[in-house]
C-alpha atoms as a PDB file:
ATOM      1  CA  MET A   1      14.388  -9.922 -20.901  1.00  0.00           C
ATOM      2  CA  LEU A   2      17.022  -8.771 -18.731  1.00  0.00           C
ATOM      3  CA  ARG A   3      19.831 -11.343 -18.124  1.00  0.00           C
ATOM      4  CA  ALA A   4      22.992 -10.869 -15.934  1.00  0.00           C
ATOM      5  CA  GLU A   5      25.627 -13.126 -14.705  1.00  0.00           C
ATOM      6  CA  PHE A   6      27.065 -13.264 -11.408  1.00  0.00           C
ATOM      7  CA  LEU A   7      30.551 -11.706 -11.113  1.00  0.00           C
ATOM      8  CA  ASN A   8      32.333 -14.472  -9.370  1.00  0.00           C
ATOM      9  CA  MET A   9      36.136 -14.679  -8.438  1.00  0.00           C
ATOM     10  CA  SER A  10      36.823 -18.096  -9.468  1.00  0.00           C
ATOM     11  CA  LYS A  11      35.751 -17.398 -13.337  1.00  0.00           C
ATOM     12  CA  ASP A  12      34.571 -20.862 -13.149  1.00  0.00           C
ATOM     13  CA  ALA A  13      31.505 -20.946 -15.477  1.00  0.00           C
ATOM     14  CA  SER A  14      30.193 -23.907 -13.567  1.00  0.00           C
ATOM     15  CA  LYS A  15      30.016 -21.731 -10.469  1.00  0.00           C
ATOM     16  CA  ASP A  16      28.091 -18.933 -11.961  1.00  0.00           C
ATOM     17  CA  SER A  17      24.675 -17.535 -10.906  1.00  0.00           C
ATOM     18  CA  VAL A  18      22.152 -16.079 -13.594  1.00  0.00           C
ATOM     19  CA  PHE A  19      19.908 -13.370 -12.906  1.00  0.00           C
ATOM     20  CA  ILE A  20      16.709 -13.316 -15.039  1.00  0.00           C
ATOM     21  CA  LEU A  21      13.896 -10.910 -15.289  1.00  0.00           C
ATOM     22  CA  PRO A  22      11.941 -12.599 -18.356  1.00  0.00           C
ATOM     23  CA  GLU A  23       9.341 -10.101 -19.246  1.00  0.00           C
ATOM     24  CA  VAL A  24      11.458  -6.733 -18.546  1.00  0.00           C
ATOM     25  CA  THR A  25      12.838  -4.384 -21.085  1.00  0.00           C
ATOM     26  CA  ARG A  26      15.198  -1.418 -20.283  1.00  0.00           C
ATOM     27  CA  VAL A  27      12.169   1.224 -20.390  1.00  0.00           C
ATOM     28  CA  MET A  28      10.204  -0.765 -17.980  1.00  0.00           C
ATOM     29  CA  LEU A  29      13.086  -0.476 -15.345  1.00  0.00           C
ATOM     30  CA  THR A  30      12.934   3.381 -15.220  1.00  0.00           C
ATOM     31  CA  ARG A  31      11.524   5.518 -12.510  1.00  0.00           C
ATOM     32  CA  GLU A  32       8.695   6.773 -14.666  1.00  0.00           C
ATOM     33  CA  ASN A  33       7.712   3.480 -15.949  1.00  0.00           C
ATOM     34  CA  ILE A  34       8.199   0.906 -13.634  1.00  0.00           C
ATOM     35  CA  THR A  35       5.172  -1.206 -11.956  1.00  0.00           C
ATOM     36  CA  PHE A  36       5.249  -3.862  -9.405  1.00  0.00           C
ATOM     37  CA  PRO A  37       5.541  -6.411  -8.920  1.00  0.00           C
ATOM     38  CA  ILE A  38       8.208  -7.691 -11.235  1.00  0.00           C
ATOM     39  CA  HIS A  39       8.718 -11.307 -11.486  1.00  0.00           C
ATOM     40  CA  GLY A  40      12.090 -13.118 -11.890  1.00  0.00           C
ATOM     41  CA  TYR A  41      14.377 -15.921 -10.896  1.00  0.00           C
ATOM     42  CA  VAL A  42      18.179 -16.580 -10.035  1.00  0.00           C
ATOM     43  CA  SER A  43      19.443 -19.891 -11.190  1.00  0.00           C
ATOM     44  CA  GLU A  44      22.442 -20.952  -9.288  1.00  0.00           C
ATOM     45  CA  GLU A  45      24.539 -24.074  -8.591  1.00  0.00           C
ATOM     46  CA  GLY A  46      23.683 -25.990  -5.205  1.00  0.00           C
ATOM     47  CA  ASP A  47      25.647 -27.991  -2.981  1.00  0.00           C
ATOM     48  CA  ASP A  48      24.657 -31.168  -5.187  1.00  0.00           C
ATOM     49  CA  TYR A  49      26.309 -29.485  -8.094  1.00  0.00           C
ATOM     50  CA  LYS A  50      23.313 -28.938  -9.939  1.00  0.00           C
ATOM     51  CA  HIS A  51      21.601 -25.606 -11.138  1.00  0.00           C
ATOM     52  CA  SER A  52      18.182 -24.789  -9.631  1.00  0.00           C
ATOM     53  CA  ARG A  53      15.747 -21.804  -9.947  1.00  0.00           C
ATOM     54  CA  HIS A  54      15.066 -19.541  -7.162  1.00  0.00           C
ATOM     55  CA  TYR A  55      11.966 -17.468  -8.111  1.00  0.00           C
ATOM     56  CA  PHE A  56      11.484 -13.863  -6.438  1.00  0.00           C
ATOM     57  CA  SER A  57       9.342 -10.681  -6.918  1.00  0.00           C
ATOM     58  CA  ILE A  58      10.573  -7.091  -6.977  1.00  0.00           C
ATOM     59  CA  ILE A  59       7.928  -5.585  -4.908  1.00  0.00           C
ATOM     60  CA  GLY A  60       8.683  -1.851  -4.547  1.00  0.00           C
ATOM     61  CA  PHE A  61      11.258   0.872  -3.833  1.00  0.00           C
ATOM     62  CA  GLY A  62      13.424   0.625  -0.508  1.00  0.00           C
ATOM     63  CA  VAL A  63      13.585   3.126   2.202  1.00  0.00           C
ATOM     64  CA  ASN A  64      16.357   5.317   0.331  1.00  0.00           C
ATOM     65  CA  GLY A  65      14.066   5.520  -2.870  1.00  0.00           C
ATOM     66  CA  GLU A  66      16.910   4.427  -4.989  1.00  0.00           C
ATOM     67  CA  ASP A  67      16.962   0.532  -4.319  1.00  0.00           C
ATOM     68  CA  LEU A  68      14.529  -1.930  -5.528  1.00  0.00           C
ATOM     69  CA  VAL A  69      13.261  -4.505  -2.830  1.00  0.00           C
ATOM     70  CA  LEU A  70      13.496  -8.250  -3.581  1.00  0.00           C
ATOM     71  CA  GLU A  71      11.310 -10.693  -2.030  1.00  0.00           C
ATOM     72  CA  TRP A  72      12.006 -14.578  -2.430  1.00  0.00           C
ATOM     73  CA  ASN A  73       9.292 -16.478  -3.228  1.00  0.00           C
ATOM     74  CA  GLU A  74      10.527 -19.328  -0.953  1.00  0.00           C
ATOM     75  CA  GLU A  75       9.971 -19.528   2.881  1.00  0.00           C
ATOM     76  CA  GLY A  76      12.695 -18.604   5.170  1.00  0.00           C
ATOM     77  CA  TYR A  77      14.569 -16.171   3.019  1.00  0.00           C
ATOM     78  CA  CYS A  78      14.692 -12.644   3.818  1.00  0.00           C
ATOM     79  CA  ASN A  79      13.860  -9.663   1.471  1.00  0.00           C
ATOM     80  CA  GLU A  80      17.004  -8.266  -0.608  1.00  0.00           C
ATOM     81  CA  LEU A  81      17.981  -4.891  -2.138  1.00  0.00           C
ATOM     82  CA  LEU A  82      18.719  -4.329  -5.849  1.00  0.00           C
ATOM     83  CA  CYS A  83      21.143  -1.543  -5.972  1.00  0.00           C
ATOM     84  CA  GLY A  84      21.963  -0.058  -9.426  1.00  0.00           C
ATOM     85  CA  LEU A  85      19.181  -1.873 -11.359  1.00  0.00           C
ATOM     86  CA  LEU A  86      17.126   1.447 -12.328  1.00  0.00           C
ATOM     87  CA  ASP A  87      17.160   3.885 -14.941  1.00  0.00           C
ATOM     88  CA  GLY A  88      20.116   3.806 -17.873  1.00  0.00           C
ATOM     89  CA  LEU A  89      20.846   0.063 -18.000  1.00  0.00           C
ATOM     90  CA  ALA A  90      23.038  -1.439 -20.756  1.00  0.00           C
ATOM     91  CA  VAL A  91      24.895  -4.284 -21.447  1.00  0.00           C
ATOM     92  CA  GLY A  92      28.060  -4.334 -19.351  1.00  0.00           C
ATOM     93  CA  ASP A  93      26.389  -2.375 -16.264  1.00  0.00           C
ATOM     94  CA  GLU A  94      26.821  -3.849 -13.107  1.00  0.00           C
ATOM     95  CA  PHE A  95      24.459  -3.897 -10.210  1.00  0.00           C
ATOM     96  CA  ASP A  96      24.316  -5.506  -6.720  1.00  0.00           C
ATOM     97  CA  ARG A  97      21.898  -7.935  -4.861  1.00  0.00           C
ATOM     98  CA  ASP A  98      22.465  -7.249  -0.988  1.00  0.00           C
ATOM     99  CA  SER A  99      21.262 -10.007   1.120  1.00  0.00           C
ATOM    100  CA  ASN A 100      20.627  -9.132   4.631  1.00  0.00           C
ATOM    101  CA  ASP A 101      23.622 -11.399   5.978  1.00  0.00           C
ATOM    102  CA  ARG A 102      26.206  -8.920   4.755  1.00  0.00           C
ATOM    103  CA  SER A 103      26.755 -10.598   1.466  1.00  0.00           C
ATOM    104  CA  ILE A 104      26.824  -8.735  -1.792  1.00  0.00           C
ATOM    105  CA  TRP A 105      26.282 -10.534  -5.110  1.00  0.00           C
ATOM    106  CA  SER A 106      27.386  -8.310  -8.125  1.00  0.00           C
ATOM    107  CA  TYR A 107      26.328  -9.159 -11.419  1.00  0.00           C
ATOM    108  CA  VAL A 108      26.893  -7.767 -14.779  1.00  0.00           C
ATOM    109  CA  ILE A 109      24.140  -7.297 -17.510  1.00  0.00           C
ATOM    110  CA  ARG A 110      24.659  -9.415 -20.593  1.00  0.00           C
ATOM    111  CA  HIS A 111      21.430  -9.029 -22.454  1.00  0.00           C
ATOM    112  CA  ILE A 112      18.707  -6.432 -22.337  1.00  0.00           C
ATOM    113  CA  ASP A 113      15.949  -5.838 -24.538  1.00  0.00           C
END
């Protein structure tokens, strides 16, 4: 399992978003061993102050061959890129989720098998 926490500016734990890949190990996230799709979810607080899960699949490599493409399982959401989530991952490492509206969500890995 990979578990990463959103690096927010407020440091308010109730506002945190958690990125989960439940069936992934460090070895599986290497260029030699990766297989698609990889399923996961983001748990984040909504406007109603309740946490909800948003499911996605990582479906392949981005155009540059370095980033991974994240496809949301919900209608109306555009694909996003995961930057830095491949090869040599360790607890404390950071990666970015680049949404196509110029927003970048940075995460820090808290657990990886």
